[in-house]
Amino acid sequence: MKLVRFEDGGEKIGAVKGDRVVDLVAAGSRWTTIRAIAGGGADSLDAVREIVERAEPVLALADVKLLAPIERPGKYLAIGMNYAKHLEEADKLGVARAKHQTWFNKQTTCISGPHDDIDPGVTEKLDYEVELGAVIGRPAKHVSEVDAPGHVFGYFVANDVSARDWQFHTPTFTMGKSFDTHGPIGPWIVTADEVPDPHALALRAYVNGEPRQSSDTSQMIHNLWQQIAYLSAAFTLETGDLIATGTPEGVGVGMEPPRFLQPGDVVRCEIDGIGAIENRVIAPAG
């Protein structure tokens, strides 16, 4: 299924059915949030799927405003330098290679919808990063790589918008990764049962229609199962937590000369089998 949050006289949850949206609560769902569905395991998914199959949706997908497809999570974790060619870009910028997986937080207040505007804020070096995102379903602690797939609820498209000048204010990257509006995700969550192999998906990013990034998730250095095993060795991944699995080469800071985003630019990030998000950069507010 493709699960969404949307506005229609208030914030609602739904499922995409063709080119229309089923309002899940109106159709009889006892789960009123996407997080609750994610935490309900196979039972909740089966029940929601039955609701969607029998429902006659009245809302056109094109007529609703899509929101970030899950309520604000407890954690939004992102891995850095996880594609070999992107690692080479980082080498040119003087970013030291790490011996272990390199993780940083995107503060959850950065999260925005799949078509919301990107406000640069105070950065002068605004950049884009297309990434496959994953949503945790069943909580994970000390999970092995073999068992990790059972803890993923679904997948989404992420743009890890980055303020490159602020990114290096601290070694954690968090400042430059967490500006408000710098976490567009969506357009929906594709449930894990519909993605046979998350490590076989093509992903691309465009700026004003110009191809900038093009790769596939098989090129990850640390795959998602390894990421979950590593993170859960230290702390619990809870229902609704988000993981951004890394970006390939082609980011603006890695170009010669660098090409940063400007007001008016439109960034489109897409992943085969998942969907696409598209966001316009606006003039800084205030």
C-alpha atoms as a PDB file:
ATOM      1  CA  MET A   1       0.000   0.000   0.000  1.00  0.00           C
ATOM      2  CA  LYS A   2       0.834   3.649  -0.346  1.00  0.00           C
ATOM      3  CA  LEU A   3      -0.078   5.401   2.893  1.00  0.00           C
ATOM      4  CA  VAL A   4      -0.411   9.172   3.043  1.00  0.00           C
ATOM      5  CA  ARG A   5      -1.213  12.059   5.313  1.00  0.00           C
ATOM      6  CA  PHE A   6      -3.156  14.850   3.689  1.00  0.00           C
ATOM      7  CA  GLU A   7      -5.197  17.974   4.299  1.00  0.00           C
ATOM      8  CA  ASP A   8      -8.931  17.994   3.623  1.00  0.00           C
ATOM      9  CA  GLY A   9     -10.665  20.157   6.169  1.00  0.00           C
ATOM     10  CA  GLY A  10      -8.019  19.049   8.651  1.00  0.00           C
ATOM     11  CA  GLU A  11      -5.119  16.599   8.771  1.00  0.00           C
ATOM     12  CA  LYS A  12      -6.148  13.082   7.762  1.00  0.00           C
ATOM     13  CA  ILE A  13      -4.588   9.731   6.946  1.00  0.00           C
ATOM     14  CA  GLY A  14      -5.281   7.774   3.805  1.00  0.00           C
ATOM     15  CA  ALA A  15      -4.221   5.213   1.241  1.00  0.00           C
ATOM     16  CA  VAL A  16      -3.690   5.788  -2.449  1.00  0.00           C
ATOM     17  CA  LYS A  17      -5.993   3.779  -4.685  1.00  0.00           C
ATOM     18  CA  GLY A  18      -5.237   4.420  -8.324  1.00  0.00           C
ATOM     19  CA  ASP A  19      -5.455   8.183  -8.808  1.00  0.00           C
ATOM     20  CA  ARG A  20      -7.630   8.653  -5.734  1.00  0.00           C
ATOM     21  CA  VAL A  21      -7.244   8.635  -1.960  1.00  0.00           C
ATOM     22  CA  VAL A  22      -9.180   6.605   0.587  1.00  0.00           C
ATOM     23  CA  ASP A  23      -9.847   8.541   3.792  1.00  0.00           C
ATOM     24  CA  LEU A  24      -9.023   5.693   6.147  1.00  0.00           C
ATOM     25  CA  VAL A  25     -10.826   6.934   9.241  1.00  0.00           C
ATOM     26  CA  ALA A  26     -13.959   7.812   7.273  1.00  0.00           C
ATOM     27  CA  ALA A  27     -13.815   4.326   5.726  1.00  0.00           C
ATOM     28  CA  GLY A  28     -13.767   2.682   9.143  1.00  0.00           C
ATOM     29  CA  SER A  29     -10.146   2.479  10.313  1.00  0.00           C
ATOM     30  CA  ARG A  30      -9.742   2.367  14.085  1.00  0.00           C
ATOM     31  CA  TRP A  31      -6.157   3.582  13.606  1.00  0.00           C
ATOM     32  CA  THR A  32      -6.086   7.346  13.339  1.00  0.00           C
ATOM     33  CA  THR A  33      -2.362   7.898  12.711  1.00  0.00           C
ATOM     34  CA  ILE A  34       0.201   6.368  10.378  1.00  0.00           C
ATOM     35  CA  ARG A  35       2.422   5.745  13.387  1.00  0.00           C
ATOM     36  CA  ALA A  36      -0.331   3.634  14.971  1.00  0.00           C
ATOM     37  CA  ILE A  37      -0.631   1.566  11.810  1.00  0.00           C
ATOM     38  CA  ALA A  38       3.150   1.111  11.739  1.00  0.00           C
ATOM     39  CA  GLY A  39       3.106  -0.084  15.332  1.00  0.00           C
ATOM     40  CA  GLY A  40       0.297  -2.551  14.768  1.00  0.00           C
ATOM     41  CA  GLY A  41       2.330  -4.978  12.686  1.00  0.00           C
ATOM     42  CA  ALA A  42       0.797  -7.394  10.215  1.00  0.00           C
ATOM     43  CA  ASP A  43      -2.612  -7.255  11.908  1.00  0.00           C
ATOM     44  CA  SER A  44      -3.045  -3.527  11.340  1.00  0.00           C
ATOM     45  CA  LEU A  45      -1.761  -3.746   7.767  1.00  0.00           C
ATOM     46  CA  ASP A  46      -4.142  -6.579   6.936  1.00  0.00           C
ATOM     47  CA  ALA A  47      -7.070  -4.676   8.423  1.00  0.00           C
ATOM     48  CA  VAL A  48      -6.201  -1.464   6.605  1.00  0.00           C
ATOM     49  CA  ARG A  49      -5.728  -3.353   3.360  1.00  0.00           C
ATOM     50  CA  GLU A  50      -9.239  -4.790   3.683  1.00  0.00           C
ATOM     51  CA  ILE A  51     -10.627  -1.305   4.262  1.00  0.00           C
ATOM     52  CA  VAL A  52      -8.875   0.013   1.167  1.00  0.00           C
ATOM     53  CA  GLU A  53     -10.038  -2.866  -1.007  1.00  0.00           C
ATOM     54  CA  ARG A  54     -13.717  -2.343  -0.212  1.00  0.00           C
ATOM     55  CA  ALA A  55     -13.683   1.463  -0.061  1.00  0.00           C
ATOM     56  CA  GLU A  56     -14.957   3.696  -2.851  1.00  0.00           C
ATOM     57  CA  PRO A  57     -12.665   6.741  -2.623  1.00  0.00           C
ATOM     58  CA  VAL A  58     -14.186  10.126  -3.388  1.00  0.00           C
ATOM     59  CA  LEU A  59     -11.025  12.233  -3.156  1.00  0.00           C
ATOM     60  CA  ALA A  60      -8.827  12.808  -6.193  1.00  0.00           C
ATOM     61  CA  LEU A  61      -5.126  12.515  -5.376  1.00  0.00           C
ATOM     62  CA  ALA A  62      -4.437  15.602  -7.481  1.00  0.00           C
ATOM     63  CA  ASP A  63      -6.865  17.679  -5.395  1.00  0.00           C
ATOM     64  CA  VAL A  64      -5.437  17.030  -1.913  1.00  0.00           C
ATOM     65  CA  LYS A  65      -2.400  18.584  -0.300  1.00  0.00           C
ATOM     66  CA  LEU A  66      -0.033  15.821   0.736  1.00  0.00           C
ATOM     67  CA  LEU A  67       1.762  16.195   4.057  1.00  0.00           C
ATOM     68  CA  ALA A  68       4.849  14.428   5.360  1.00  0.00           C
ATOM     69  CA  PRO A  69       3.595  10.822   5.365  1.00  0.00           C
ATOM     70  CA  ILE A  70       4.134  10.172   9.081  1.00  0.00           C
ATOM     71  CA  GLU A  71       3.575  12.215  12.181  1.00  0.00           C
ATOM     72  CA  ARG A  72       6.709  13.781  13.642  1.00  0.00           C
ATOM     73  CA  PRO A  73       8.999  10.888  14.594  1.00  0.00           C
ATOM     74  CA  GLY A  74      11.112  10.581  17.683  1.00  0.00           C
ATOM     75  CA  LYS A  75      14.297  10.275  15.623  1.00  0.00           C
ATOM     76  CA  TYR A  76      15.376  11.124  12.079  1.00  0.00           C
ATOM     77  CA  LEU A  77      18.783   9.532  11.518  1.00  0.00           C
ATOM     78  CA  ALA A  78      20.888   9.896   8.389  1.00  0.00           C
ATOM     79  CA  ILE A  79      24.073   8.176   7.291  1.00  0.00           C
ATOM     80  CA  GLY A  80      26.843  10.123   5.590  1.00  0.00           C
ATOM     81  CA  MET A  81      29.221   9.120   2.804  1.00  0.00           C
ATOM     82  CA  ASN A  82      27.470   5.821   2.102  1.00  0.00           C
ATOM     83  CA  TYR A  83      28.016   5.621  -1.666  1.00  0.00           C
ATOM     84  CA  ALA A  84      31.556   5.092  -2.953  1.00  0.00           C
ATOM     85  CA  LYS A  85      31.507   7.871  -5.542  1.00  0.00           C
ATOM     86  CA  HIS A  86      29.958  10.317  -3.064  1.00  0.00           C
ATOM     87  CA  LEU A  87      32.756   9.354  -0.687  1.00  0.00           C
ATOM     88  CA  GLU A  88      35.194  10.417  -3.393  1.00  0.00           C
ATOM     89  CA  GLU A  89      33.409  13.790  -3.578  1.00  0.00           C
ATOM     90  CA  ALA A  90      33.840  14.133   0.176  1.00  0.00           C
ATOM     91  CA  ASP A  91      37.560  13.349  -0.170  1.00  0.00           C
ATOM     92  CA  LYS A  92      37.958  16.331  -2.501  1.00  0.00           C
ATOM     93  CA  LEU A  93      36.295  18.538   0.109  1.00  0.00           C
ATOM     94  CA  GLY A  94      38.647  17.368   2.826  1.00  0.00           C
ATOM     95  CA  VAL A  95      36.084  15.346   4.780  1.00  0.00           C
ATOM     96  CA  ALA A  96      37.982  12.662   6.681  1.00  0.00           C
ATOM     97  CA  ARG A  97      37.000   9.068   6.036  1.00  0.00           C
ATOM     98  CA  ALA A  98      35.582   7.314   9.082  1.00  0.00           C
ATOM     99  CA  LYS A  99      36.335   3.796  10.262  1.00  0.00           C
ATOM    100  CA  HIS A 100      32.698   3.179  11.113  1.00  0.00           C
ATOM    101  CA  GLN A 101      29.294   4.108   9.758  1.00  0.00           C
ATOM    102  CA  THR A 102      28.939   7.898   9.967  1.00  0.00           C
ATOM    103  CA  TRP A 103      25.599   9.011  11.430  1.00  0.00           C
ATOM    104  CA  PHE A 104      24.054  12.380  12.183  1.00  0.00           C
ATOM    105  CA  ASN A 105      20.680  13.614  13.337  1.00  0.00           C
ATOM    106  CA  LYS A 106      18.293  15.668  11.310  1.00  0.00           C
ATOM    107  CA  GLN A 107      16.208  17.415  13.945  1.00  0.00           C
ATOM    108  CA  THR A 108      12.613  16.366  13.387  1.00  0.00           C
ATOM    109  CA  THR A 109      11.430  19.972  13.116  1.00  0.00           C
ATOM    110  CA  CYS A 110      13.074  20.024   9.672  1.00  0.00           C
ATOM    111  CA  ILE A 111      10.513  17.586   8.259  1.00  0.00           C
ATOM    112  CA  SER A 112       8.166  18.946   5.599  1.00  0.00           C
ATOM    113  CA  GLY A 113       5.815  17.660   2.938  1.00  0.00           C
ATOM    114  CA  PRO A 114       6.627  16.250  -0.495  1.00  0.00           C
ATOM    115  CA  HIS A 115       5.725  19.464  -2.326  1.00  0.00           C
ATOM    116  CA  ASP A 116       6.437  22.083   0.341  1.00  0.00           C
ATOM    117  CA  ASP A 117       8.785  24.992  -0.312  1.00  0.00           C
ATOM    118  CA  ILE A 118      12.399  24.927   0.848  1.00  0.00           C
ATOM    119  CA  ASP A 119      13.398  28.054   2.777  1.00  0.00           C
ATOM    120  CA  PRO A 120      17.200  28.512   2.632  1.00  0.00           C
ATOM    121  CA  GLY A 121      17.235  30.393   5.909  1.00  0.00           C
ATOM    122  CA  VAL A 122      20.661  31.885   6.638  1.00  0.00           C
ATOM    123  CA  THR A 123      22.722  29.495   4.534  1.00  0.00           C
ATOM    124  CA  GLU A 124      24.528  30.686   1.430  1.00  0.00           C
ATOM    125  CA  LYS A 125      25.386  27.146   0.315  1.00  0.00           C
ATOM    126  CA  LEU A 126      22.110  25.267  -0.057  1.00  0.00           C
ATOM    127  CA  ASP A 127      22.391  21.747  -1.458  1.00  0.00           C
ATOM    128  CA  TYR A 128      20.261  18.689  -2.268  1.00  0.00           C
ATOM    129  CA  GLU A 129      20.665  14.946  -1.625  1.00  0.00           C
ATOM    130  CA  VAL A 130      18.247  12.317  -2.919  1.00  0.00           C
ATOM    131  CA  GLU A 131      17.977   9.366  -0.533  1.00  0.00           C
ATOM    132  CA  LEU A 132      15.909   6.274   0.112  1.00  0.00           C
ATOM    133  CA  GLY A 133      14.159   6.663   3.446  1.00  0.00           C
ATOM    134  CA  ALA A 134      12.935   3.869   5.706  1.00  0.00           C
ATOM    135  CA  VAL A 135      10.349   3.898   8.502  1.00  0.00           C
ATOM    136  CA  ILE A 136      10.780   1.668  11.530  1.00  0.00           C
ATOM    137  CA  GLY A 137       7.754  -0.459  12.407  1.00  0.00           C
ATOM    138  CA  ARG A 138       8.446  -2.930  15.178  1.00  0.00           C
ATOM    139  CA  PRO A 139      10.980  -1.454  17.653  1.00  0.00           C
ATOM    140  CA  ALA A 140      14.540  -2.674  17.144  1.00  0.00           C
ATOM    141  CA  LYS A 141      17.217  -3.270  19.778  1.00  0.00           C
ATOM    142  CA  HIS A 142      20.267  -5.518  19.264  1.00  0.00           C
ATOM    143  CA  VAL A 143      18.849  -6.613  15.910  1.00  0.00           C
ATOM    144  CA  SER A 144      20.928  -8.733  13.535  1.00  0.00           C
ATOM    145  CA  GLU A 145      21.268  -8.026   9.832  1.00  0.00           C
ATOM    146  CA  VAL A 146      19.219 -11.167   9.165  1.00  0.00           C
ATOM    147  CA  ASP A 147      16.339  -9.967  11.335  1.00  0.00           C
ATOM    148  CA  ALA A 148      16.507  -6.283  10.350  1.00  0.00           C
ATOM    149  CA  PRO A 149      13.982  -6.509   7.452  1.00  0.00           C
ATOM    150  CA  GLY A 150      11.254  -7.467   9.917  1.00  0.00           C
ATOM    151  CA  HIS A 151      11.596  -4.092  11.621  1.00  0.00           C
ATOM    152  CA  VAL A 152      10.990  -1.940   8.526  1.00  0.00           C
ATOM    153  CA  PHE A 153       7.451  -0.693   8.031  1.00  0.00           C
ATOM    154  CA  GLY A 154       7.960   1.007   4.688  1.00  0.00           C
ATOM    155  CA  TYR A 155       9.898   3.352   2.432  1.00  0.00           C
ATOM    156  CA  PHE A 156       9.757   6.929   1.172  1.00  0.00           C
ATOM    157  CA  VAL A 157      11.725   9.421  -0.912  1.00  0.00           C
ATOM    158  CA  ALA A 158      13.853  11.895   1.049  1.00  0.00           C
ATOM    159  CA  ASN A 159      15.753  15.023   0.122  1.00  0.00           C
ATOM    160  CA  ASP A 160      18.447  15.536   2.751  1.00  0.00           C
ATOM    161  CA  VAL A 161      18.613  19.275   2.118  1.00  0.00           C
ATOM    162  CA  SER A 162      21.947  20.533   3.413  1.00  0.00           C
ATOM    163  CA  ALA A 163      23.320  23.917   4.447  1.00  0.00           C
ATOM    164  CA  ARG A 164      26.934  23.187   3.528  1.00  0.00           C
ATOM    165  CA  ASP A 165      28.411  26.265   5.227  1.00  0.00           C
ATOM    166  CA  TRP A 166      26.618  25.431   8.496  1.00  0.00           C
ATOM    167  CA  GLN A 167      27.193  21.681   8.145  1.00  0.00           C
ATOM    168  CA  PHE A 168      30.806  22.041   9.222  1.00  0.00           C
ATOM    169  CA  HIS A 169      30.136  24.360  12.146  1.00  0.00           C
ATOM    170  CA  THR A 170      30.181  21.170  14.239  1.00  0.00           C
ATOM    171  CA  PRO A 171      31.660  17.710  13.556  1.00  0.00           C
ATOM    172  CA  THR A 172      28.196  16.144  13.956  1.00  0.00           C
ATOM    173  CA  PHE A 173      26.802  17.917  10.812  1.00  0.00           C
ATOM    174  CA  THR A 174      23.497  18.385  12.670  1.00  0.00           C
ATOM    175  CA  MET A 175      23.358  22.195  12.438  1.00  0.00           C
ATOM    176  CA  GLY A 176      23.659  22.187   8.668  1.00  0.00           C
ATOM    177  CA  LYS A 177      21.267  19.282   8.216  1.00  0.00           C
ATOM    178  CA  SER A 178      18.355  20.478  10.324  1.00  0.00           C
ATOM    179  CA  PHE A 179      17.156  23.878   9.129  1.00  0.00           C
ATOM    180  CA  ASP A 180      13.373  24.220   9.105  1.00  0.00           C
ATOM    181  CA  THR A 181      11.909  22.912   5.788  1.00  0.00           C
ATOM    182  CA  HIS A 182      15.161  21.063   4.994  1.00  0.00           C
ATOM    183  CA  GLY A 183      13.612  17.618   5.374  1.00  0.00           C
ATOM    184  CA  PRO A 184      10.994  17.103   2.654  1.00  0.00           C
ATOM    185  CA  ILE A 185       9.832  13.480   2.555  1.00  0.00           C
ATOM    186  CA  GLY A 186       7.126  11.486   0.804  1.00  0.00           C
ATOM    187  CA  PRO A 187       5.099  11.489  -1.264  1.00  0.00           C
ATOM    188  CA  TRP A 188       3.825   8.515   0.723  1.00  0.00           C
ATOM    189  CA  ILE A 189       5.080   5.480   2.591  1.00  0.00           C
ATOM    190  CA  VAL A 190       5.202   2.385   0.419  1.00  0.00           C
ATOM    191  CA  THR A 191       4.742  -0.551   2.790  1.00  0.00           C
ATOM    192  CA  ALA A 192       7.658  -2.969   2.933  1.00  0.00           C
ATOM    193  CA  ASP A 193       5.663  -5.867   1.478  1.00  0.00           C
ATOM    194  CA  GLU A 194       5.579  -4.009  -1.849  1.00  0.00           C
ATOM    195  CA  VAL A 195       9.366  -3.494  -2.030  1.00  0.00           C
ATOM    196  CA  PRO A 196      10.984  -6.908  -2.572  1.00  0.00           C
ATOM    197  CA  ASP A 197      14.537  -5.531  -2.413  1.00  0.00           C
ATOM    198  CA  PRO A 198      15.279  -1.996  -1.177  1.00  0.00           C
ATOM    199  CA  HIS A 199      18.822  -2.457  -2.462  1.00  0.00           C
ATOM    200  CA  ALA A 200      17.763  -2.652  -6.110  1.00  0.00           C
ATOM    201  CA  LEU A 201      16.112   0.728  -6.668  1.00  0.00           C
ATOM    202  CA  ALA A 202      17.207   3.436  -9.086  1.00  0.00           C
ATOM    203  CA  LEU A 203      17.239   6.947  -7.619  1.00  0.00           C
ATOM    204  CA  ARG A 204      17.670  10.325  -9.282  1.00  0.00           C
ATOM    205  CA  ALA A 205      17.695  14.047  -8.515  1.00  0.00           C
ATOM    206  CA  TYR A 206      17.014  16.936 -10.897  1.00  0.00           C
ATOM    207  CA  VAL A 207      17.390  20.677 -10.515  1.00  0.00           C
ATOM    208  CA  ASN A 208      15.128  22.635 -12.878  1.00  0.00           C
ATOM    209  CA  GLY A 209      14.865  19.475 -14.975  1.00  0.00           C
ATOM    210  CA  GLU A 210      18.656  19.047 -15.252  1.00  0.00           C
ATOM    211  CA  PRO A 211      19.880  15.600 -14.135  1.00  0.00           C
ATOM    212  CA  ARG A 212      22.242  15.925 -11.178  1.00  0.00           C
ATOM    213  CA  GLN A 213      22.233  12.543  -9.405  1.00  0.00           C
ATOM    214  CA  SER A 214      21.618   9.108 -10.892  1.00  0.00           C
ATOM    215  CA  SER A 215      22.498   5.839  -9.197  1.00  0.00           C
ATOM    216  CA  ASP A 216      20.858   2.880  -7.513  1.00  0.00           C
ATOM    217  CA  THR A 217      20.640   1.625  -3.970  1.00  0.00           C
ATOM    218  CA  SER A 218      22.787  -1.426  -4.736  1.00  0.00           C
ATOM    219  CA  GLN A 219      25.722   0.992  -4.580  1.00  0.00           C
ATOM    220  CA  MET A 220      25.388   1.605  -0.827  1.00  0.00           C
ATOM    221  CA  ILE A 221      28.554   0.864   1.137  1.00  0.00           C
ATOM    222  CA  HIS A 222      26.523  -0.151   4.204  1.00  0.00           C
ATOM    223  CA  ASN A 223      23.131  -1.565   3.252  1.00  0.00           C
ATOM    224  CA  LEU A 224      19.980  -0.866   5.226  1.00  0.00           C
ATOM    225  CA  TRP A 225      20.135  -4.112   7.187  1.00  0.00           C
ATOM    226  CA  GLN A 226      23.675  -3.298   8.286  1.00  0.00           C
ATOM    227  CA  GLN A 227      22.552   0.205   9.218  1.00  0.00           C
ATOM    228  CA  ILE A 228      19.735  -1.081  11.423  1.00  0.00           C
ATOM    229  CA  ALA A 229      22.032  -3.622  13.089  1.00  0.00           C
ATOM    230  CA  TYR A 230      24.638  -0.941  13.796  1.00  0.00           C
ATOM    231  CA  LEU A 231      22.196   1.644  15.168  1.00  0.00           C
ATOM    232  CA  SER A 232      20.219  -0.821  17.257  1.00  0.00           C
ATOM    233  CA  ALA A 233      23.400  -2.066  18.892  1.00  0.00           C
ATOM    234  CA  ALA A 234      23.592   1.315  20.620  1.00  0.00           C
ATOM    235  CA  PHE A 235      19.992   2.412  21.145  1.00  0.00           C
ATOM    236  CA  THR A 236      16.420   1.417  20.471  1.00  0.00           C
ATOM    237  CA  LEU A 237      14.895   2.299  17.125  1.00  0.00           C
ATOM    238  CA  GLU A 238      11.268   3.047  17.896  1.00  0.00           C
ATOM    239  CA  THR A 239       8.106   2.821  15.841  1.00  0.00           C
ATOM    240  CA  GLY A 240       7.972   5.729  13.420  1.00  0.00           C
ATOM    241  CA  ASP A 241      11.684   6.560  13.540  1.00  0.00           C
ATOM    242  CA  LEU A 242      13.114   7.512  10.151  1.00  0.00           C
ATOM    243  CA  ILE A 243      16.376   6.451   8.517  1.00  0.00           C
ATOM    244  CA  ALA A 244      17.889   8.187   5.487  1.00  0.00           C
ATOM    245  CA  THR A 245      20.186   5.660   3.854  1.00  0.00           C
ATOM    246  CA  GLY A 246      22.703   7.915   2.105  1.00  0.00           C
ATOM    247  CA  THR A 247      23.070   9.808  -1.146  1.00  0.00           C
ATOM    248  CA  PRO A 248      25.050   9.075  -4.327  1.00  0.00           C
ATOM    249  CA  GLU A 249      27.423  11.375  -6.171  1.00  0.00           C
ATOM    250  CA  GLY A 250      26.273  14.485  -7.989  1.00  0.00           C
ATOM    251  CA  VAL A 251      25.537  16.906  -5.160  1.00  0.00           C
ATOM    252  CA  GLY A 252      26.045  20.596  -5.817  1.00  0.00           C
ATOM    253  CA  VAL A 253      28.992  21.038  -3.467  1.00  0.00           C
ATOM    254  CA  GLY A 254      30.902  18.337  -5.329  1.00  0.00           C
ATOM    255  CA  MET A 255      30.650  20.014  -8.731  1.00  0.00           C
ATOM    256  CA  GLU A 256      33.475  22.106 -10.198  1.00  0.00           C
ATOM    257  CA  PRO A 257      32.739  24.874  -9.521  1.00  0.00           C
ATOM    258  CA  PRO A 258      30.111  24.124  -6.836  1.00  0.00           C
ATOM    259  CA  ARG A 259      26.533  24.796  -7.879  1.00  0.00           C
ATOM    260  CA  PHE A 260      24.313  25.605  -4.935  1.00  0.00           C
ATOM    261  CA  LEU A 261      20.548  26.011  -5.001  1.00  0.00           C
ATOM    262  CA  GLN A 262      19.073  29.472  -5.546  1.00  0.00           C
ATOM    263  CA  PRO A 263      15.585  30.927  -4.994  1.00  0.00           C
ATOM    264  CA  GLY A 264      13.316  29.779  -7.793  1.00  0.00           C
ATOM    265  CA  ASP A 265      15.103  26.459  -8.305  1.00  0.00           C
ATOM    266  CA  VAL A 266      12.935  23.339  -8.303  1.00  0.00           C
ATOM    267  CA  VAL A 267      14.431  20.104  -6.970  1.00  0.00           C
ATOM    268  CA  ARG A 268      12.867  16.786  -7.927  1.00  0.00           C
ATOM    269  CA  CYS A 269      13.944  13.582  -6.180  1.00  0.00           C
ATOM    270  CA  GLU A 270      12.618  10.256  -7.396  1.00  0.00           C
ATOM    271  CA  ILE A 271      13.088   6.570  -6.670  1.00  0.00           C
ATOM    272  CA  ASP A 272      11.744   3.813  -8.890  1.00  0.00           C
ATOM    273  CA  GLY A 273       8.989   1.862  -7.189  1.00  0.00           C
ATOM    274  CA  ILE A 274       8.603   4.471  -4.439  1.00  0.00           C
ATOM    275  CA  GLY A 275       7.641   7.792  -6.023  1.00  0.00           C
ATOM    276  CA  ALA A 276       8.847  11.375  -6.356  1.00  0.00           C
ATOM    277  CA  ILE A 277       8.907  14.588  -4.364  1.00  0.00           C
ATOM    278  CA  GLU A 278       9.377  18.053  -5.817  1.00  0.00           C
ATOM    279  CA  ASN A 279      10.185  21.209  -3.887  1.00  0.00           C
ATOM    280  CA  ARG A 280      10.770  24.829  -4.876  1.00  0.00           C
ATOM    281  CA  VAL A 281      13.431  26.949  -3.222  1.00  0.00           C
ATOM    282  CA  ILE A 282      12.011  30.284  -2.080  1.00  0.00           C
ATOM    283  CA  ALA A 283      13.651  33.520  -1.014  1.00  0.00           C
ATOM    284  CA  PRO A 284      14.726  33.360   2.625  1.00  0.00           C
ATOM    285  CA  ALA A 285      11.924  34.372   4.957  1.00  0.00           C
ATOM    286  CA  GLY A 286      12.440  37.573   6.907  1.00  0.00           C
END
